[in-house]
Every structure is written in C-alpha cells, then in structure tokens.
Amino acid sequence: MKIAIKYCAQWNYLPRASSLGDILKKNFDLDIELVAGSNGIFDVSLDGKMIYSKSEQRRFPQPAEIIKLIEEE
C-alpha cells in the first residue's frame, strides 16, 4: 500500500506531514510519499484514493483517524 501526504510548503506543514508519515510507518507496512503543495493543502491518499482532506474537514487529521481510515480500506 502507498500513502501520499500532500502538504502546504508555504505554511511549512512538512514537519506535520513527516510526523504523520512516521506514525503510519510504525503501524503499517506502507510506502510513504510526501508531496509539496500550496494554498494550505493537507491531503492524505491511500493507493491514489483520497481518504482525508483538510480543506473538507477544516482541520488537520489526528493520526488515530488516519489509522482507522486505513484499516477500513
């Protein structure tokens, strides 16, 4: 499985994206890709399918939320 975390480079969301990626690696056998973006983006995709979008939820995800979403897929 592959997780892509697209984060806003302008707002320096890289540490948050990197931290989430590290947590997910500890829980799953995943390939993690961090993708720089802009405009406040923070989206998480699993095998090309968006599972979390900060713009839709209006907040950053908690790691436990992402873990649950991965387990449900």
PDB file of N, CA and C in Angstrom:
ATOM      1  N   MET A   1       0.837  -1.181   0.000  1.00  0.00           N
ATOM      2  CA  MET A   1       0.000   0.000   0.000  1.00  0.00           C
ATOM      3  C   MET A   1       0.882   1.244   0.000  1.00  0.00           C
ATOM      4  N   LYS A   2       0.352   2.290  -0.595  1.00  0.00           N
ATOM      5  CA  LYS A   2       1.095   3.547  -0.682  1.00  0.00           C
ATOM      6  C   LYS A   2       0.249   4.701  -0.132  1.00  0.00           C
ATOM      7  N   ILE A   3       0.851   5.467   0.740  1.00  0.00           N
ATOM      8  CA  ILE A   3       0.222   6.669   1.289  1.00  0.00           C
ATOM      9  C   ILE A   3       0.937   7.877   0.698  1.00  0.00           C
ATOM     10  N   ALA A   4       0.168   8.814   0.191  1.00  0.00           N
ATOM     11  CA  ALA A   4       0.707  10.097  -0.255  1.00  0.00           C
ATOM     12  C   ALA A   4       0.130  11.178   0.654  1.00  0.00           C
ATOM     13  N   ILE A   5       1.008  11.967   1.229  1.00  0.00           N
ATOM     14  CA  ILE A   5       0.585  13.089   2.067  1.00  0.00           C
ATOM     15  C   ILE A   5       1.000  14.356   1.341  1.00  0.00           C
ATOM     16  N   LYS A   6       0.015  15.092   0.847  1.00  0.00           N
ATOM     17  CA  LYS A   6       0.287  16.348   0.153  1.00  0.00           C
ATOM     18  C   LYS A   6       0.119  17.470   1.164  1.00  0.00           C
ATOM     19  N   TYR A   7       1.184  18.236   1.351  1.00  0.00           N
ATOM     20  CA  TYR A   7       1.211  19.253   2.399  1.00  0.00           C
ATOM     21  C   TYR A   7       1.563  20.616   1.805  1.00  0.00           C
ATOM     22  N   CYS A   8       1.191  21.668   2.483  1.00  0.00           N
ATOM     23  CA  CYS A   8       1.479  23.026   2.044  1.00  0.00           C
ATOM     24  C   CYS A   8       2.899  23.413   2.456  1.00  0.00           C
ATOM     25  N   ALA A   9       3.753  23.643   1.449  1.00  0.00           N
ATOM     26  CA  ALA A   9       5.121  24.069   1.726  1.00  0.00           C
ATOM     27  C   ALA A   9       5.166  25.524   2.174  1.00  0.00           C
ATOM     28  N   GLN A  10       4.243  26.345   1.662  1.00  0.00           N
ATOM     29  CA  GLN A  10       4.208  27.765   2.027  1.00  0.00           C
ATOM     30  C   GLN A  10       4.017  27.962   3.527  1.00  0.00           C
ATOM     31  N   TRP A  11       3.160  27.148   4.110  1.00  0.00           N
ATOM     32  CA  TRP A  11       2.841  27.263   5.540  1.00  0.00           C
ATOM     33  C   TRP A  11       3.667  26.311   6.395  1.00  0.00           C
ATOM     34  N   ASN A  12       4.675  25.685   5.793  1.00  0.00           N
ATOM     35  CA  ASN A  12       5.596  24.786   6.491  1.00  0.00           C
ATOM     36  C   ASN A  12       4.877  23.640   7.212  1.00  0.00           C
ATOM     37  N   TYR A  13       4.017  22.947   6.483  1.00  0.00           N
ATOM     38  CA  TYR A  13       3.328  21.780   7.041  1.00  0.00           C
ATOM     39  C   TYR A  13       4.184  20.513   6.938  1.00  0.00           C
ATOM     40  N   LEU A  14       5.405  20.629   6.402  1.00  0.00           N
ATOM     41  CA  LEU A  14       6.265  19.455   6.257  1.00  0.00           C
ATOM     42  C   LEU A  14       6.497  18.725   7.581  1.00  0.00           C
ATOM     43  N   PRO A  15       6.813  19.403   8.694  1.00  0.00           N
ATOM     44  CA  PRO A  15       7.003  18.650   9.945  1.00  0.00           C
ATOM     45  C   PRO A  15       5.765  17.842  10.344  1.00  0.00           C
ATOM     46  N   ARG A  16       4.594  18.407  10.143  1.00  0.00           N
ATOM     47  CA  ARG A  16       3.346  17.697  10.470  1.00  0.00           C
ATOM     48  C   ARG A  16       3.166  16.490   9.551  1.00  0.00           C
ATOM     49  N   ALA A  17       3.431  16.666   8.266  1.00  0.00           N
ATOM     50  CA  ALA A  17       3.296  15.569   7.302  1.00  0.00           C
ATOM     51  C   ALA A  17       4.311  14.464   7.594  1.00  0.00           C
ATOM     52  N   SER A  18       5.530  14.862   7.894  1.00  0.00           N
ATOM     53  CA  SER A  18       6.586  13.904   8.202  1.00  0.00           C
ATOM     54  C   SER A  18       6.266  13.109   9.468  1.00  0.00           C
ATOM     55  N   SER A  19       5.767  13.792  10.473  1.00  0.00           N
ATOM     56  CA  SER A  19       5.392  13.131  11.726  1.00  0.00           C
ATOM     57  C   SER A  19       4.276  12.110  11.491  1.00  0.00           C
ATOM     58  N   LEU A  20       3.270  12.501  10.724  1.00  0.00           N
ATOM     59  CA  LEU A  20       2.178  11.575  10.412  1.00  0.00           C
ATOM     60  C   LEU A  20       2.714  10.376   9.646  1.00  0.00           C
ATOM     61  N   GLY A  21       3.596  10.620   8.681  1.00  0.00           N
ATOM     62  CA  GLY A  21       4.184   9.527   7.928  1.00  0.00           C
ATOM     63  C   GLY A  21       4.942   8.557   8.812  1.00  0.00           C
ATOM     64  N   ASP A  22       5.700   9.080   9.767  1.00  0.00           N
ATOM     65  CA  ASP A  22       6.447   8.223  10.698  1.00  0.00           C
ATOM     66  C   ASP A  22       5.515   7.362  11.544  1.00  0.00           C
ATOM     67  N   ILE A  23       4.440   7.951  12.023  1.00  0.00           N
ATOM     68  CA  ILE A  23       3.462   7.212  12.832  1.00  0.00           C
ATOM     69  C   ILE A  23       2.828   6.094  12.002  1.00  0.00           C
ATOM     70  N   LEU A  24       2.472   6.409  10.761  1.00  0.00           N
ATOM     71  CA  LEU A  24       1.839   5.398   9.906  1.00  0.00           C
ATOM     72  C   LEU A  24       2.807   4.264   9.579  1.00  0.00           C
ATOM     73  N   LYS A  25       4.079   4.572   9.382  1.00  0.00           N
ATOM     74  CA  LYS A  25       5.079   3.532   9.108  1.00  0.00           C
ATOM     75  C   LYS A  25       5.214   2.573  10.289  1.00  0.00           C
ATOM     76  N   LYS A  26       5.054   3.080  11.499  1.00  0.00           N
ATOM     77  CA  LYS A  26       5.156   2.227  12.692  1.00  0.00           C
ATOM     78  C   LYS A  26       3.976   1.276  12.809  1.00  0.00           C
ATOM     79  N   ASN A  27       2.832   1.653  12.232  1.00  0.00           N
ATOM     80  CA  ASN A  27       1.619   0.861  12.358  1.00  0.00           C
ATOM     81  C   ASN A  27       1.331  -0.046  11.162  1.00  0.00           C
ATOM     82  N   PHE A  28       1.868   0.314   9.999  1.00  0.00           N
ATOM     83  CA  PHE A  28       1.558  -0.427   8.778  1.00  0.00           C
ATOM     84  C   PHE A  28       2.815  -0.585   7.933  1.00  0.00           C
ATOM     85  N   ASP A  29       2.774  -1.556   7.036  1.00  0.00           N
ATOM     86  CA  ASP A  29       3.844  -1.723   6.050  1.00  0.00           C
ATOM     87  C   ASP A  29       3.450  -0.884   4.831  1.00  0.00           C
ATOM     88  N   LEU A  30       3.812   0.397   4.873  1.00  0.00           N
ATOM     89  CA  LEU A  30       3.386   1.343   3.848  1.00  0.00           C
ATOM     90  C   LEU A  30       4.576   2.024   3.197  1.00  0.00           C
ATOM     91  N   ASP A  31       4.375   2.401   1.952  1.00  0.00           N
ATOM     92  CA  ASP A  31       5.304   3.283   1.261  1.00  0.00           C
ATOM     93  C   ASP A  31       4.726   4.690   1.434  1.00  0.00           C
ATOM     94  N   ILE A  32       5.483   5.589   2.052  1.00  0.00           N
ATOM     95  CA  ILE A  32       5.009   6.941   2.339  1.00  0.00           C
ATOM     96  C   ILE A  32       5.666   7.920   1.373  1.00  0.00           C
ATOM     97  N   GLU A  33       4.846   8.735   0.731  1.00  0.00           N
ATOM     98  CA  GLU A  33       5.355   9.782  -0.152  1.00  0.00           C
ATOM     99  C   GLU A  33       4.855  11.128   0.353  1.00  0.00           C
ATOM    100  N   LEU A  34       5.775  12.054   0.572  1.00  0.00           N
ATOM    101  CA  LEU A  34       5.431  13.410   0.972  1.00  0.00           C
ATOM    102  C   LEU A  34       5.518  14.293  -0.267  1.00  0.00           C
ATOM    103  N   VAL A  35       4.427  14.998  -0.558  1.00  0.00           N
ATOM    104  CA  VAL A  35       4.333  15.790  -1.780  1.00  0.00           C
ATOM    105  C   VAL A  35       4.079  17.245  -1.412  1.00  0.00           C
ATOM    106  N   ALA A  36       4.991  18.120  -1.821  1.00  0.00           N
ATOM    107  CA  ALA A  36       4.830  19.552  -1.531  1.00  0.00           C
ATOM    108  C   ALA A  36       3.708  20.139  -2.381  1.00  0.00           C
ATOM    109  N   GLY A  37       2.911  20.985  -1.737  1.00  0.00           N
ATOM    110  CA  GLY A  37       1.826  21.673  -2.417  1.00  0.00           C
ATOM    111  C   GLY A  37       1.750  23.103  -1.919  1.00  0.00           C
ATOM    112  N   SER A  38       0.598  23.726  -2.102  1.00  0.00           N
ATOM    113  CA  SER A  38       0.426  25.114  -1.680  1.00  0.00           C
ATOM    114  C   SER A  38      -1.016  25.360  -1.245  1.00  0.00           C
ATOM    115  N   ASN A  39      -1.302  26.595  -0.905  1.00  0.00           N
ATOM    116  CA  ASN A  39      -2.660  27.028  -0.550  1.00  0.00           C
ATOM    117  C   ASN A  39      -3.249  26.305   0.654  1.00  0.00           C
ATOM    118  N   GLY A  40      -2.426  25.956   1.629  1.00  0.00           N
ATOM    119  CA  GLY A  40      -2.919  25.359   2.865  1.00  0.00           C
ATOM    120  C   GLY A  40      -3.335  23.904   2.762  1.00  0.00           C
ATOM    121  N   ILE A  41      -2.914  23.228   1.694  1.00  0.00           N
ATOM    122  CA  ILE A  41      -3.340  21.843   1.481  1.00  0.00           C
ATOM    123  C   ILE A  41      -2.721  20.890   2.504  1.00  0.00           C
ATOM    124  N   PHE A  42      -3.511  19.917   2.910  1.00  0.00           N
ATOM    125  CA  PHE A  42      -3.021  18.788   3.695  1.00  0.00           C
ATOM    126  C   PHE A  42      -3.976  17.634   3.410  1.00  0.00           C
ATOM    127  N   ASP A  43      -3.631  16.839   2.405  1.00  0.00           N
ATOM    128  CA  ASP A  43      -4.468  15.734   1.953  1.00  0.00           C
ATOM    129  C   ASP A  43      -3.717  14.419   2.123  1.00  0.00           C
ATOM    130  N   VAL A  44      -4.462  13.385   2.459  1.00  0.00           N
ATOM    131  CA  VAL A  44      -3.882  12.050   2.616  1.00  0.00           C
ATOM    132  C   VAL A  44      -4.601  11.113   1.655  1.00  0.00           C
ATOM    133  N   SER A  45      -3.814  10.422   0.830  1.00  0.00           N
ATOM    134  CA  SER A  45      -4.369   9.468  -0.130  1.00  0.00           C
ATOM    135  C   SER A  45      -3.778   8.089   0.126  1.00  0.00           C
ATOM    136  N   LEU A  46      -4.603   7.077  -0.074  1.00  0.00           N
ATOM    137  CA  LEU A  46      -4.195   5.684   0.047  1.00  0.00           C
ATOM    138  C   LEU A  46      -4.356   5.036  -1.317  1.00  0.00           C
ATOM    139  N   ASP A  47      -3.250   4.589  -1.898  1.00  0.00           N
ATOM    140  CA  ASP A  47      -3.256   3.976  -3.229  1.00  0.00           C
ATOM    141  C   ASP A  47      -4.023   4.828  -4.244  1.00  0.00           C
ATOM    142  N   GLY A  48      -3.809   6.146  -4.191  1.00  0.00           N
ATOM    143  CA  GLY A  48      -4.429   7.059  -5.146  1.00  0.00           C
ATOM    144  C   GLY A  48      -5.824   7.540  -4.788  1.00  0.00           C
ATOM    145  N   LYS A  49      -6.402   7.000  -3.720  1.00  0.00           N
ATOM    146  CA  LYS A  49      -7.753   7.390  -3.301  1.00  0.00           C
ATOM    147  C   LYS A  49      -7.657   8.321  -2.090  1.00  0.00           C
ATOM    148  N   MET A  50      -8.235   9.511  -2.207  1.00  0.00           N
ATOM    149  CA  MET A  50      -8.214  10.474  -1.110  1.00  0.00           C
ATOM    150  C   MET A  50      -9.016   9.906   0.071  1.00  0.00           C
ATOM    151  N   ILE A  51      -8.352   9.859   1.232  1.00  0.00           N
ATOM    152  CA  ILE A  51      -9.062   9.390   2.427  1.00  0.00           C
ATOM    153  C   ILE A  51      -9.246  10.498   3.453  1.00  0.00           C
ATOM    154  N   TYR A  52      -8.496  11.609   3.301  1.00  0.00           N
ATOM    155  CA  TYR A  52      -8.661  12.734   4.219  1.00  0.00           C
ATOM    156  C   TYR A  52      -8.213  14.013   3.534  1.00  0.00           C
ATOM    157  N   SER A  53      -9.009  15.062   3.690  1.00  0.00           N
ATOM    158  CA  SER A  53      -8.666  16.363   3.138  1.00  0.00           C
ATOM    159  C   SER A  53      -8.910  17.434   4.196  1.00  0.00           C
ATOM    160  N   LYS A  54      -7.880  18.174   4.526  1.00  0.00           N
ATOM    161  CA  LYS A  54      -8.008  19.265   5.495  1.00  0.00           C
ATOM    162  C   LYS A  54      -9.012  20.304   5.012  1.00  0.00           C
ATOM    163  N   SER A  55      -9.056  20.552   3.719  1.00  0.00           N
ATOM    164  CA  SER A  55      -9.983  21.559   3.199  1.00  0.00           C
ATOM    165  C   SER A  55     -11.442  21.140   3.386  1.00  0.00           C
ATOM    166  N   GLU A  56     -11.732  19.846   3.348  1.00  0.00           N
ATOM    167  CA  GLU A  56     -13.100  19.365   3.567  1.00  0.00           C
ATOM    168  C   GLU A  56     -13.448  19.318   5.052  1.00  0.00           C
ATOM    169  N   GLN A  57     -12.503  18.864   5.865  1.00  0.00           N
ATOM    170  CA  GLN A  57     -12.757  18.705   7.300  1.00  0.00           C
ATOM    171  C   GLN A  57     -12.512  19.989   8.097  1.00  0.00           C
ATOM    172  N   ARG A  58     -11.791  20.922   7.490  1.00  0.00           N
ATOM    173  CA  ARG A  58     -11.463  22.212   8.101  1.00  0.00           C
ATOM    174  C   ARG A  58     -10.561  22.099   9.330  1.00  0.00           C
ATOM    175  N   ARG A  59      -9.763  21.028   9.347  1.00  0.00           N
ATOM    176  CA  ARG A  59      -8.790  20.826  10.427  1.00  0.00           C
ATOM    177  C   ARG A  59      -7.806  19.756   9.997  1.00  0.00           C
ATOM    178  N   PHE A  60      -6.693  19.714  10.728  1.00  0.00           N
ATOM    179  CA  PHE A  60      -5.713  18.662  10.474  1.00  0.00           C
ATOM    180  C   PHE A  60      -6.230  17.350  11.043  1.00  0.00           C
ATOM    181  N   PRO A  61      -5.836  16.230  10.431  1.00  0.00           N
ATOM    182  CA  PRO A  61      -6.261  14.932  10.969  1.00  0.00           C
ATOM    183  C   PRO A  61      -5.459  14.551  12.197  1.00  0.00           C
ATOM    184  N   GLN A  62      -6.088  13.804  13.063  1.00  0.00           N
ATOM    185  CA  GLN A  62      -5.380  13.161  14.162  1.00  0.00           C
ATOM    186  C   GLN A  62      -4.821  11.844  13.607  1.00  0.00           C
ATOM    187  N   PRO A  63      -3.624  11.440  14.012  1.00  0.00           N
ATOM    188  CA  PRO A  63      -3.068  10.184  13.497  1.00  0.00           C
ATOM    189  C   PRO A  63      -4.017   8.993  13.673  1.00  0.00           C
ATOM    190  N   ALA A  64      -4.718   8.937  14.790  1.00  0.00           N
ATOM    191  CA  ALA A  64      -5.646   7.818  15.027  1.00  0.00           C
ATOM    192  C   ALA A  64      -6.763   7.786  13.983  1.00  0.00           C
ATOM    193  N   GLU A  65      -7.188   8.947  13.507  1.00  0.00           N
ATOM    194  CA  GLU A  65      -8.217   8.999  12.459  1.00  0.00           C
ATOM    195  C   GLU A  65      -7.710   8.375  11.171  1.00  0.00           C
ATOM    196  N   ILE A  66      -6.482   8.706  10.821  1.00  0.00           N
ATOM    197  CA  ILE A  66      -5.913   8.180   9.573  1.00  0.00           C
ATOM    198  C   ILE A  66      -5.691   6.676   9.698  1.00  0.00           C
ATOM    199  N   ILE A  67      -5.228   6.236  10.853  1.00  0.00           N
ATOM    200  CA  ILE A  67      -5.044   4.805  11.087  1.00  0.00           C
ATOM    201  C   ILE A  67      -6.373   4.071  10.904  1.00  0.00           C
ATOM    202  N   LYS A  68      -7.435   4.603  11.470  1.00  0.00           N
ATOM    203  CA  LYS A  68      -8.755   3.979  11.344  1.00  0.00           C
ATOM    204  C   LYS A  68      -9.209   3.954   9.891  1.00  0.00           C
ATOM    205  N   LEU A  69      -9.005   5.047   9.164  1.00  0.00           N
ATOM    206  CA  LEU A  69      -9.398   5.085   7.752  1.00  0.00           C
ATOM    207  C   LEU A  69      -8.636   4.069   6.925  1.00  0.00           C
ATOM    208  N   ILE A  70      -7.363   3.881   7.219  1.00  0.00           N
ATOM    209  CA  ILE A  70      -6.560   2.876   6.510  1.00  0.00           C
ATOM    210  C   ILE A  70      -7.070   1.488   6.827  1.00  0.00           C
ATOM    211  N   GLU A  71      -7.370   1.232   8.070  1.00  0.00           N
ATOM    212  CA  GLU A  71      -7.875  -0.094   8.473  1.00  0.00           C
ATOM    213  C   GLU A  71      -9.221  -0.399   7.825  1.00  0.00           C
ATOM    214  N   GLU A  72     -10.024   0.622   7.568  1.00  0.00           N
ATOM    215  CA  GLU A  72     -11.338   0.433   6.960  1.00  0.00           C
ATOM    216  C   GLU A  72     -11.258   0.170   5.461  1.00  0.00           C
ATOM    217  N   GLU A  73     -10.135   0.522   4.853  1.00  0.00           N
ATOM    218  CA  GLU A  73      -9.994   0.329   3.378  1.00  0.00           C
ATOM    219  C   GLU A  73      -9.716  -1.117   3.039  1.00  0.00           C
TER     220      GLU A  73
END
